[in-house]
Amino acid sequence: MRNIKYFFQFLLIVPLFVIFKLIGLNLASFIGGKLFEIIGPLFRSEKIIHSNIKKAFPNLNSKEINKITKQMWNNYGRVFSEYMFIKNYRNNLFDTHITIRGLEILREIKKNNKPVIFISGHFSNFELMAMALEKHEIKLAAIYRPLNNFFLNFLMEKIRKDHICKYQIKKGLGGIREIIRLNQNGFSTALMIDQRVSQGIKANFFNQQAFTTTIPAQLVKKYNFPVVPLFIERYENIKFKITIQKPIYFSKSTTEKEITEKLNSLIEKMILFKPGQWIWSHNRWK
């Protein structure tokens, strides 16, 4: 039954992608945002979204919570429609649409030719971060979680491998082994650390315990790699600013939990800066 549902989702989404491609980036992004403002609440619990927002902003009133929720769905829909234009971003057709702060940090990483750990969360059009790193000749492997819908996942994986980051590593033990192999060959690692995971530890996130991945902490402890936080924000609807922060070096005595909670605190600051551009619909504190 689930496979049938996934297949019908695939049949619905593929024609939408074709339409988006035909009408161009500006209109596709606008329509995608408005479409998700309408249909998004039908697929994700508003109760969970509002509960999540209140954990980060306990003093917000209902009107302000609804505003952030609407902004989130609009951004979500824009990201969905913009998948059809990732190739254009990659091929410099939209060069003026992406501004990068901290290019000198990337140049230094490239010059040193030693692996680092890039961390971020699902902000704005998060897919563009790994793409920008690889475009600037950073040897990169990106960790990702496959979509539940395997029909769509095949399409998403192709887009990601062809136009975002060639080395896409699935989460899991097999993925960790592949990451270690690539690290030994000079590849840096990029991953999102803002979603709930089944294999992780409970760490502080907005003053509550949330299961969080320890992959960055494990790599830091094992190889003493620095961590480089990234943040992407959307402005003027289809333009983006990517901020590369300075590398963080942890001492050998720092524990995995301390590293994980430090990184969580960085994600918190990013969320607080642009709350309408983070995905609040995941059951992060379950």
C-alpha atoms as a PDB file:
ATOM      1  CA  MET A   1       0.000   0.000   0.000  1.00  0.00           C
ATOM      2  CA  ARG A   2       2.816   2.386   0.903  1.00  0.00           C
ATOM      3  CA  ASN A   3       4.574   1.691  -2.413  1.00  0.00           C
ATOM      4  CA  ILE A   4       1.397   2.595  -4.297  1.00  0.00           C
ATOM      5  CA  LYS A   5       1.180   5.874  -2.383  1.00  0.00           C
ATOM      6  CA  TYR A   6       4.820   6.635  -3.170  1.00  0.00           C
ATOM      7  CA  PHE A   7       4.264   5.863  -6.851  1.00  0.00           C
ATOM      8  CA  PHE A   8       1.297   8.247  -7.087  1.00  0.00           C
ATOM      9  CA  GLN A   9       3.334  10.935  -5.320  1.00  0.00           C
ATOM     10  CA  PHE A  10       6.015  10.419  -7.945  1.00  0.00           C
ATOM     11  CA  LEU A  11       3.455  10.707 -10.773  1.00  0.00           C
ATOM     12  CA  LEU A  12       2.207  13.971  -9.278  1.00  0.00           C
ATOM     13  CA  ILE A  13       5.583  15.560  -8.583  1.00  0.00           C
ATOM     14  CA  VAL A  14       7.384  14.828 -11.854  1.00  0.00           C
ATOM     15  CA  PRO A  15       4.885  16.818 -14.009  1.00  0.00           C
ATOM     16  CA  LEU A  16       5.166  19.661 -11.487  1.00  0.00           C
ATOM     17  CA  PHE A  17       8.937  19.644 -11.949  1.00  0.00           C
ATOM     18  CA  VAL A  18       8.463  19.827 -15.723  1.00  0.00           C
ATOM     19  CA  ILE A  19       6.090  22.793 -15.379  1.00  0.00           C
ATOM     20  CA  PHE A  20       8.489  24.563 -13.039  1.00  0.00           C
ATOM     21  CA  LYS A  21      11.309  24.130 -15.529  1.00  0.00           C
ATOM     22  CA  LEU A  22       9.210  25.544 -18.353  1.00  0.00           C
ATOM     23  CA  ILE A  23       8.052  28.674 -16.537  1.00  0.00           C
ATOM     24  CA  GLY A  24      11.481  29.704 -15.226  1.00  0.00           C
ATOM     25  CA  LEU A  25      13.054  30.248 -11.820  1.00  0.00           C
ATOM     26  CA  ASN A  26      11.268  33.415 -10.681  1.00  0.00           C
ATOM     27  CA  LEU A  27       7.736  32.230 -11.342  1.00  0.00           C
ATOM     28  CA  ALA A  28       8.435  28.613 -10.331  1.00  0.00           C
ATOM     29  CA  SER A  29       9.856  29.665  -6.959  1.00  0.00           C
ATOM     30  CA  PHE A  30       6.911  32.006  -6.333  1.00  0.00           C
ATOM     31  CA  ILE A  31       4.306  29.378  -7.248  1.00  0.00           C
ATOM     32  CA  GLY A  32       6.113  26.663  -5.276  1.00  0.00           C
ATOM     33  CA  GLY A  33       6.095  28.862  -2.181  1.00  0.00           C
ATOM     34  CA  LYS A  34       2.396  29.716  -2.461  1.00  0.00           C
ATOM     35  CA  LEU A  35       1.490  26.105  -3.244  1.00  0.00           C
ATOM     36  CA  PHE A  36       3.199  24.812  -0.100  1.00  0.00           C
ATOM     37  CA  GLU A  37       1.563  27.505   2.028  1.00  0.00           C
ATOM     38  CA  ILE A  38      -1.722  25.822   1.049  1.00  0.00           C
ATOM     39  CA  ILE A  39      -0.891  22.109   0.921  1.00  0.00           C
ATOM     40  CA  GLY A  40       1.934  21.916   3.465  1.00  0.00           C
ATOM     41  CA  PRO A  41      -0.353  21.968   6.529  1.00  0.00           C
ATOM     42  CA  LEU A  42      -2.299  19.048   5.042  1.00  0.00           C
ATOM     43  CA  PHE A  43       0.745  16.762   5.285  1.00  0.00           C
ATOM     44  CA  ARG A  44       2.492  17.889   8.475  1.00  0.00           C
ATOM     45  CA  SER A  45       1.033  18.351  11.940  1.00  0.00           C
ATOM     46  CA  GLU A  46       0.532  22.008  12.760  1.00  0.00           C
ATOM     47  CA  LYS A  47       0.526  21.015  16.414  1.00  0.00           C
ATOM     48  CA  ILE A  48       4.105  19.678  16.154  1.00  0.00           C
ATOM     49  CA  ILE A  49       5.283  22.745  14.214  1.00  0.00           C
ATOM     50  CA  HIS A  50       3.831  25.186  16.717  1.00  0.00           C
ATOM     51  CA  SER A  51       5.150  23.152  19.642  1.00  0.00           C
ATOM     52  CA  ASN A  52       8.646  23.193  18.105  1.00  0.00           C
ATOM     53  CA  ILE A  53       8.546  26.952  17.537  1.00  0.00           C
ATOM     54  CA  LYS A  54       7.486  27.571  21.129  1.00  0.00           C
ATOM     55  CA  LYS A  55      10.459  25.569  22.395  1.00  0.00           C
ATOM     56  CA  ALA A  56      12.750  28.073  20.707  1.00  0.00           C
ATOM     57  CA  PHE A  57      10.524  31.132  21.222  1.00  0.00           C
ATOM     58  CA  PRO A  58       8.494  30.518  24.397  1.00  0.00           C
ATOM     59  CA  ASN A  59       7.184  34.097  24.512  1.00  0.00           C
ATOM     60  CA  LEU A  60       5.750  34.309  20.997  1.00  0.00           C
ATOM     61  CA  ASN A  61       2.007  34.775  20.579  1.00  0.00           C
ATOM     62  CA  SER A  62      -0.162  32.800  18.148  1.00  0.00           C
ATOM     63  CA  LYS A  63       0.009  35.450  15.424  1.00  0.00           C
ATOM     64  CA  GLU A  64       3.817  35.443  15.465  1.00  0.00           C
ATOM     65  CA  ILE A  65       3.949  31.631  15.488  1.00  0.00           C
ATOM     66  CA  ASN A  66       1.592  31.485  12.504  1.00  0.00           C
ATOM     67  CA  LYS A  67       3.783  33.998  10.664  1.00  0.00           C
ATOM     68  CA  ILE A  68       6.905  31.846  11.119  1.00  0.00           C
ATOM     69  CA  THR A  69       4.922  28.753  10.073  1.00  0.00           C
ATOM     70  CA  LYS A  70       3.742  30.442   6.871  1.00  0.00           C
ATOM     71  CA  GLN A  71       7.279  31.635   6.083  1.00  0.00           C
ATOM     72  CA  MET A  72       8.576  28.101   6.622  1.00  0.00           C
ATOM     73  CA  TRP A  73       6.068  26.581   4.203  1.00  0.00           C
ATOM     74  CA  ASN A  74       6.786  29.266   1.632  1.00  0.00           C
ATOM     75  CA  ASN A  75      10.530  28.589   1.831  1.00  0.00           C
ATOM     76  CA  TYR A  76       9.910  24.822   1.723  1.00  0.00           C
ATOM     77  CA  GLY A  77       7.905  25.208  -1.475  1.00  0.00           C
ATOM     78  CA  ARG A  78      10.514  27.427  -3.062  1.00  0.00           C
ATOM     79  CA  VAL A  79      13.227  24.849  -2.327  1.00  0.00           C
ATOM     80  CA  PHE A  80      11.020  22.161  -3.893  1.00  0.00           C
ATOM     81  CA  SER A  81      10.569  24.137  -7.116  1.00  0.00           C
ATOM     82  CA  GLU A  82      14.224  25.227  -7.247  1.00  0.00           C
ATOM     83  CA  TYR A  83      15.481  21.650  -7.625  1.00  0.00           C
ATOM     84  CA  MET A  84      14.820  22.065 -11.330  1.00  0.00           C
ATOM     85  CA  PHE A  85      17.319  24.935 -11.465  1.00  0.00           C
ATOM     86  CA  ILE A  86      20.191  23.464  -9.444  1.00  0.00           C
ATOM     87  CA  LYS A  87      21.999  22.735 -12.723  1.00  0.00           C
ATOM     88  CA  ASN A  88      21.706  26.421 -13.660  1.00  0.00           C
ATOM     89  CA  TYR A  89      23.191  27.479 -10.332  1.00  0.00           C
ATOM     90  CA  ARG A  90      25.994  24.980 -10.851  1.00  0.00           C
ATOM     91  CA  ASN A  91      26.724  26.215 -14.377  1.00  0.00           C
ATOM     92  CA  ASN A  92      27.043  29.863 -13.312  1.00  0.00           C
ATOM     93  CA  LEU A  93      23.818  30.988 -14.999  1.00  0.00           C
ATOM     94  CA  PHE A  94      22.688  32.488 -11.685  1.00  0.00           C
ATOM     95  CA  ASP A  95      26.057  33.635 -10.378  1.00  0.00           C
ATOM     96  CA  THR A  96      24.629  36.927  -9.130  1.00  0.00           C
ATOM     97  CA  HIS A  97      22.063  34.982  -7.076  1.00  0.00           C
ATOM     98  CA  ILE A  98      24.606  33.567  -4.607  1.00  0.00           C
ATOM     99  CA  THR A  99      26.903  35.662  -2.423  1.00  0.00           C
ATOM    100  CA  ILE A 100      29.531  33.968  -0.255  1.00  0.00           C
ATOM    101  CA  ARG A 101      30.965  35.535   2.865  1.00  0.00           C
ATOM    102  CA  GLY A 102      34.193  33.987   4.065  1.00  0.00           C
ATOM    103  CA  LEU A 103      35.756  33.001   0.760  1.00  0.00           C
ATOM    104  CA  GLU A 104      39.172  33.524   2.318  1.00  0.00           C
ATOM    105  CA  ILE A 105      38.382  30.651   4.705  1.00  0.00           C
ATOM    106  CA  LEU A 106      37.624  28.337   1.782  1.00  0.00           C
ATOM    107  CA  ARG A 107      40.836  29.396   0.069  1.00  0.00           C
ATOM    108  CA  GLU A 108      42.817  28.555   3.204  1.00  0.00           C
ATOM    109  CA  ILE A 109      41.119  25.137   3.496  1.00  0.00           C
ATOM    110  CA  LYS A 110      41.918  24.422  -0.138  1.00  0.00           C
ATOM    111  CA  LYS A 111      45.503  25.618   0.321  1.00  0.00           C
ATOM    112  CA  ASN A 112      46.078  23.426   3.410  1.00  0.00           C
ATOM    113  CA  ASN A 113      44.608  20.415   1.572  1.00  0.00           C
ATOM    114  CA  LYS A 114      43.524  18.848   4.866  1.00  0.00           C
ATOM    115  CA  PRO A 115      40.005  17.592   5.687  1.00  0.00           C
ATOM    116  CA  VAL A 116      37.557  19.656   7.713  1.00  0.00           C
ATOM    117  CA  ILE A 117      33.999  18.988   8.856  1.00  0.00           C
ATOM    118  CA  PHE A 118      31.406  21.373   7.411  1.00  0.00           C
ATOM    119  CA  ILE A 119      28.216  21.479   9.491  1.00  0.00           C
ATOM    120  CA  SER A 120      24.923  23.259   9.000  1.00  0.00           C
ATOM    121  CA  GLY A 121      21.171  22.722   9.079  1.00  0.00           C
ATOM    122  CA  HIS A 122      18.166  22.742   6.774  1.00  0.00           C
ATOM    123  CA  PHE A 123      18.052  26.489   6.201  1.00  0.00           C
ATOM    124  CA  SER A 124      16.791  28.343   3.149  1.00  0.00           C
ATOM    125  CA  ASN A 125      17.850  26.338   0.065  1.00  0.00           C
ATOM    126  CA  PHE A 126      20.295  24.140   1.979  1.00  0.00           C
ATOM    127  CA  GLU A 127      21.268  22.162  -1.139  1.00  0.00           C
ATOM    128  CA  LEU A 128      23.218  25.148  -2.473  1.00  0.00           C
ATOM    129  CA  MET A 129      25.803  25.018   0.313  1.00  0.00           C
ATOM    130  CA  ALA A 130      27.489  21.759  -0.721  1.00  0.00           C
ATOM    131  CA  MET A 131      27.224  22.842  -4.352  1.00  0.00           C
ATOM    132  CA  ALA A 132      29.032  26.113  -3.574  1.00  0.00           C
ATOM    133  CA  LEU A 133      31.788  24.298  -1.670  1.00  0.00           C
ATOM    134  CA  GLU A 134      32.423  21.885  -4.520  1.00  0.00           C
ATOM    135  CA  LYS A 135      32.311  24.710  -7.082  1.00  0.00           C
ATOM    136  CA  HIS A 136      35.142  26.348  -5.142  1.00  0.00           C
ATOM    137  CA  GLU A 137      37.178  23.160  -5.585  1.00  0.00           C
ATOM    138  CA  ILE A 138      36.802  21.795  -2.067  1.00  0.00           C
ATOM    139  CA  LYS A 139      37.195  18.014  -2.117  1.00  0.00           C
ATOM    140  CA  LEU A 140      33.890  17.113  -0.499  1.00  0.00           C
ATOM    141  CA  ALA A 141      31.696  14.191   0.526  1.00  0.00           C
ATOM    142  CA  ALA A 142      28.164  15.037   1.699  1.00  0.00           C
ATOM    143  CA  ILE A 143      26.245  12.816   4.105  1.00  0.00           C
ATOM    144  CA  TYR A 144      22.513  12.600   3.400  1.00  0.00           C
ATOM    145  CA  ARG A 145      19.413  10.693   4.464  1.00  0.00           C
ATOM    146  CA  PRO A 146      17.567   9.044   1.555  1.00  0.00           C
ATOM    147  CA  LEU A 147      13.927   9.991   1.003  1.00  0.00           C
ATOM    148  CA  ASN A 148      11.363   7.469   2.197  1.00  0.00           C
ATOM    149  CA  ASN A 149       9.804   7.573  -1.278  1.00  0.00           C
ATOM    150  CA  PHE A 150      12.317   5.503  -3.248  1.00  0.00           C
ATOM    151  CA  PHE A 151      10.805   6.564  -6.589  1.00  0.00           C
ATOM    152  CA  LEU A 152      11.561  10.203  -5.806  1.00  0.00           C
ATOM    153  CA  ASN A 153      14.805   9.348  -4.040  1.00  0.00           C
ATOM    154  CA  PHE A 154      16.243   8.007  -7.310  1.00  0.00           C
ATOM    155  CA  LEU A 155      15.539  11.372  -8.948  1.00  0.00           C
ATOM    156  CA  MET A 156      16.877  13.390  -5.991  1.00  0.00           C
ATOM    157  CA  GLU A 157      20.070  11.345  -5.807  1.00  0.00           C
ATOM    158  CA  LYS A 158      20.719  11.927  -9.496  1.00  0.00           C
ATOM    159  CA  ILE A 159      20.235  15.700  -9.125  1.00  0.00           C
ATOM    160  CA  ARG A 160      22.507  15.771  -6.088  1.00  0.00           C
ATOM    161  CA  LYS A 161      25.294  13.662  -7.596  1.00  0.00           C
ATOM    162  CA  ASP A 162      25.211  15.424 -10.969  1.00  0.00           C
ATOM    163  CA  HIS A 163      24.864  19.033  -9.838  1.00  0.00           C
ATOM    164  CA  ILE A 164      25.357  19.422  -6.064  1.00  0.00           C
ATOM    165  CA  CYS A 165      28.087  17.126  -4.760  1.00  0.00           C
ATOM    166  CA  LYS A 166      29.439  14.099  -6.594  1.00  0.00           C
ATOM    167  CA  TYR A 167      30.200  12.085  -3.464  1.00  0.00           C
ATOM    168  CA  GLN A 168      26.853  11.530  -1.735  1.00  0.00           C
ATOM    169  CA  ILE A 169      27.154   9.246   1.292  1.00  0.00           C
ATOM    170  CA  LYS A 170      24.106   7.626   2.884  1.00  0.00           C
ATOM    171  CA  LYS A 171      23.747   7.888   6.635  1.00  0.00           C
ATOM    172  CA  GLY A 172      24.542   4.675   8.512  1.00  0.00           C
ATOM    173  CA  LEU A 173      27.488   2.487   9.440  1.00  0.00           C
ATOM    174  CA  GLY A 174      28.376   1.832   5.815  1.00  0.00           C
ATOM    175  CA  GLY A 175      28.370   5.557   5.192  1.00  0.00           C
ATOM    176  CA  ILE A 176      30.701   6.192   8.123  1.00  0.00           C
ATOM    177  CA  ARG A 177      33.203   3.695   6.723  1.00  0.00           C
ATOM    178  CA  GLU A 178      33.028   5.426   3.321  1.00  0.00           C
ATOM    179  CA  ILE A 179      33.514   8.844   4.937  1.00  0.00           C
ATOM    180  CA  ILE A 180      36.606   7.612   6.794  1.00  0.00           C
ATOM    181  CA  ARG A 181      38.020   6.201   3.546  1.00  0.00           C
ATOM    182  CA  LEU A 182      37.444   9.513   1.769  1.00  0.00           C
ATOM    183  CA  ASN A 183      38.879  11.486   4.696  1.00  0.00           C
ATOM    184  CA  GLN A 184      42.055   9.469   4.361  1.00  0.00           C
ATOM    185  CA  ASN A 185      42.183  10.632   0.740  1.00  0.00           C
ATOM    186  CA  GLY A 186      41.900  14.293   1.673  1.00  0.00           C
ATOM    187  CA  PHE A 187      38.127  14.737   1.384  1.00  0.00           C
ATOM    188  CA  SER A 188      36.238  17.010   3.752  1.00  0.00           C
ATOM    189  CA  THR A 189      32.828  16.023   5.124  1.00  0.00           C
ATOM    190  CA  ALA A 190      29.591  18.033   4.950  1.00  0.00           C
ATOM    191  CA  LEU A 191      26.468  17.162   6.910  1.00  0.00           C
ATOM    192  CA  MET A 192      23.307  18.607   8.432  1.00  0.00           C
ATOM    193  CA  ILE A 193      23.145  18.129  12.182  1.00  0.00           C
ATOM    194  CA  ASP A 194      19.716  19.615  12.934  1.00  0.00           C
ATOM    195  CA  GLN A 195      17.455  16.570  12.537  1.00  0.00           C
ATOM    196  CA  ARG A 196      16.524  13.901  15.057  1.00  0.00           C
ATOM    197  CA  VAL A 197      18.490  10.683  14.607  1.00  0.00           C
ATOM    198  CA  SER A 198      17.996   7.163  15.931  1.00  0.00           C
ATOM    199  CA  GLN A 199      21.737   6.650  16.413  1.00  0.00           C
ATOM    200  CA  GLY A 200      23.023   9.572  18.413  1.00  0.00           C
ATOM    201  CA  ILE A 201      23.022  11.045  21.887  1.00  0.00           C
ATOM    202  CA  LYS A 202      20.658  13.278  23.789  1.00  0.00           C
ATOM    203  CA  ALA A 203      22.143  16.766  23.751  1.00  0.00           C
ATOM    204  CA  ASN A 204      20.869  20.175  24.745  1.00  0.00           C
ATOM    205  CA  PHE A 205      18.977  21.969  21.991  1.00  0.00           C
ATOM    206  CA  PHE A 206      16.997  25.055  22.935  1.00  0.00           C
ATOM    207  CA  ASN A 207      17.217  24.050  26.615  1.00  0.00           C
ATOM    208  CA  GLN A 208      15.722  20.619  26.010  1.00  0.00           C
ATOM    209  CA  GLN A 209      17.255  17.243  25.300  1.00  0.00           C
ATOM    210  CA  ALA A 210      17.149  16.152  21.659  1.00  0.00           C
ATOM    211  CA  PHE A 211      18.719  13.155  19.928  1.00  0.00           C
ATOM    212  CA  THR A 212      21.596  14.534  17.878  1.00  0.00           C
ATOM    213  CA  THR A 213      24.124  12.976  15.536  1.00  0.00           C
ATOM    214  CA  THR A 214      27.626  12.472  16.948  1.00  0.00           C
ATOM    215  CA  ILE A 215      29.327  12.019  13.565  1.00  0.00           C
ATOM    216  CA  PRO A 216      31.145  15.400  13.733  1.00  0.00           C
ATOM    217  CA  ALA A 217      32.234  14.712  17.316  1.00  0.00           C
ATOM    218  CA  GLN A 218      33.479  11.235  16.392  1.00  0.00           C
ATOM    219  CA  LEU A 219      35.573  12.607  13.520  1.00  0.00           C
ATOM    220  CA  VAL A 220      36.940  15.378  15.745  1.00  0.00           C
ATOM    221  CA  LYS A 221      37.941  12.912  18.469  1.00  0.00           C
ATOM    222  CA  LYS A 222      39.450  10.387  16.072  1.00  0.00           C
ATOM    223  CA  TYR A 223      41.255  12.701  13.632  1.00  0.00           C
ATOM    224  CA  ASN A 224      41.317  16.113  15.328  1.00  0.00           C
ATOM    225  CA  PHE A 225      39.585  17.700  12.325  1.00  0.00           C
ATOM    226  CA  PRO A 226      38.391  21.309  12.709  1.00  0.00           C
ATOM    227  CA  VAL A 227      34.681  22.064  12.331  1.00  0.00           C
ATOM    228  CA  VAL A 228      33.554  24.766   9.902  1.00  0.00           C
ATOM    229  CA  PRO A 229      29.947  25.990  10.394  1.00  0.00           C
ATOM    230  CA  LEU A 230      27.981  27.211   7.364  1.00  0.00           C
ATOM    231  CA  PHE A 231      24.775  29.187   7.129  1.00  0.00           C
ATOM    232  CA  ILE A 232      22.621  30.060   4.132  1.00  0.00           C
ATOM    233  CA  GLU A 233      19.875  32.654   4.054  1.00  0.00           C
ATOM    234  CA  ARG A 234      17.366  33.590   1.364  1.00  0.00           C
ATOM    235  CA  TYR A 235      16.749  37.200   0.371  1.00  0.00           C
ATOM    236  CA  GLU A 236      14.829  38.873  -2.449  1.00  0.00           C
ATOM    237  CA  ASN A 237      13.018  35.544  -2.916  1.00  0.00           C
ATOM    238  CA  ILE A 238      15.545  33.739  -5.144  1.00  0.00           C
ATOM    239  CA  LYS A 239      18.896  35.116  -3.988  1.00  0.00           C
ATOM    240  CA  PHE A 240      21.092  33.656  -1.271  1.00  0.00           C
ATOM    241  CA  LYS A 241      23.918  34.537   1.092  1.00  0.00           C
ATOM    242  CA  ILE A 242      26.193  31.758   2.293  1.00  0.00           C
ATOM    243  CA  THR A 243      28.311  32.525   5.349  1.00  0.00           C
ATOM    244  CA  ILE A 244      31.433  30.454   6.019  1.00  0.00           C
ATOM    245  CA  GLN A 245      32.445  30.731   9.668  1.00  0.00           C
ATOM    246  CA  LYS A 246      35.963  30.339  11.022  1.00  0.00           C
ATOM    247  CA  PRO A 247      37.127  26.768  11.772  1.00  0.00           C
ATOM    248  CA  ILE A 248      36.621  25.578  15.338  1.00  0.00           C
ATOM    249  CA  TYR A 249      39.424  23.537  16.897  1.00  0.00           C
ATOM    250  CA  PHE A 250      38.495  21.396  19.881  1.00  0.00           C
ATOM    251  CA  SER A 251      40.991  20.298  22.513  1.00  0.00           C
ATOM    252  CA  LYS A 252      41.703  16.591  22.984  1.00  0.00           C
ATOM    253  CA  SER A 253      40.020  16.656  26.378  1.00  0.00           C
ATOM    254  CA  THR A 254      36.676  17.853  24.985  1.00  0.00           C
ATOM    255  CA  THR A 255      34.073  15.076  25.145  1.00  0.00           C
ATOM    256  CA  GLU A 256      31.768  14.003  22.324  1.00  0.00           C
ATOM    257  CA  LYS A 257      28.781  15.420  24.186  1.00  0.00           C
ATOM    258  CA  GLU A 258      30.515  18.763  24.743  1.00  0.00           C
ATOM    259  CA  ILE A 259      31.374  18.977  21.041  1.00  0.00           C
ATOM    260  CA  THR A 260      27.834  18.011  20.045  1.00  0.00           C
ATOM    261  CA  GLU A 261      26.242  20.580  22.354  1.00  0.00           C
ATOM    262  CA  LYS A 262      28.604  23.300  21.146  1.00  0.00           C
ATOM    263  CA  LEU A 263      27.564  22.595  17.566  1.00  0.00           C
ATOM    264  CA  ASN A 264      23.895  22.519  18.585  1.00  0.00           C
ATOM    265  CA  SER A 265      24.316  25.968  20.099  1.00  0.00           C
ATOM    266  CA  LEU A 266      25.641  27.241  16.746  1.00  0.00           C
ATOM    267  CA  ILE A 267      22.599  25.811  14.957  1.00  0.00           C
ATOM    268  CA  GLU A 268      20.367  27.539  17.513  1.00  0.00           C
ATOM    269  CA  LYS A 269      21.910  30.921  16.663  1.00  0.00           C
ATOM    270  CA  MET A 270      21.360  30.304  12.961  1.00  0.00           C
ATOM    271  CA  ILE A 271      17.699  29.412  13.578  1.00  0.00           C
ATOM    272  CA  LEU A 272      17.113  32.469  15.766  1.00  0.00           C
ATOM    273  CA  PHE A 273      18.523  34.706  13.024  1.00  0.00           C
ATOM    274  CA  LYS A 274      16.096  33.523  10.307  1.00  0.00           C
ATOM    275  CA  PRO A 275      13.399  31.379  11.993  1.00  0.00           C
ATOM    276  CA  GLY A 276      11.119  31.407   8.949  1.00  0.00           C
ATOM    277  CA  GLN A 277      13.803  29.708   6.851  1.00  0.00           C
ATOM    278  CA  TRP A 278      14.284  26.611   9.031  1.00  0.00           C
ATOM    279  CA  ILE A 279      12.229  23.435   8.709  1.00  0.00           C
ATOM    280  CA  TRP A 280      10.155  23.242  11.915  1.00  0.00           C
ATOM    281  CA  SER A 281       7.985  20.333  10.774  1.00  0.00           C
ATOM    282  CA  HIS A 282      10.313  17.550  11.950  1.00  0.00           C
ATOM    283  CA  ASN A 283       9.586  16.032  15.354  1.00  0.00           C
ATOM    284  CA  ARG A 284      12.985  17.186  16.615  1.00  0.00           C
ATOM    285  CA  TRP A 285      12.397  16.679  20.334  1.00  0.00           C
ATOM    286  CA  LYS A 286      10.542  13.343  20.204  1.00  0.00           C
END
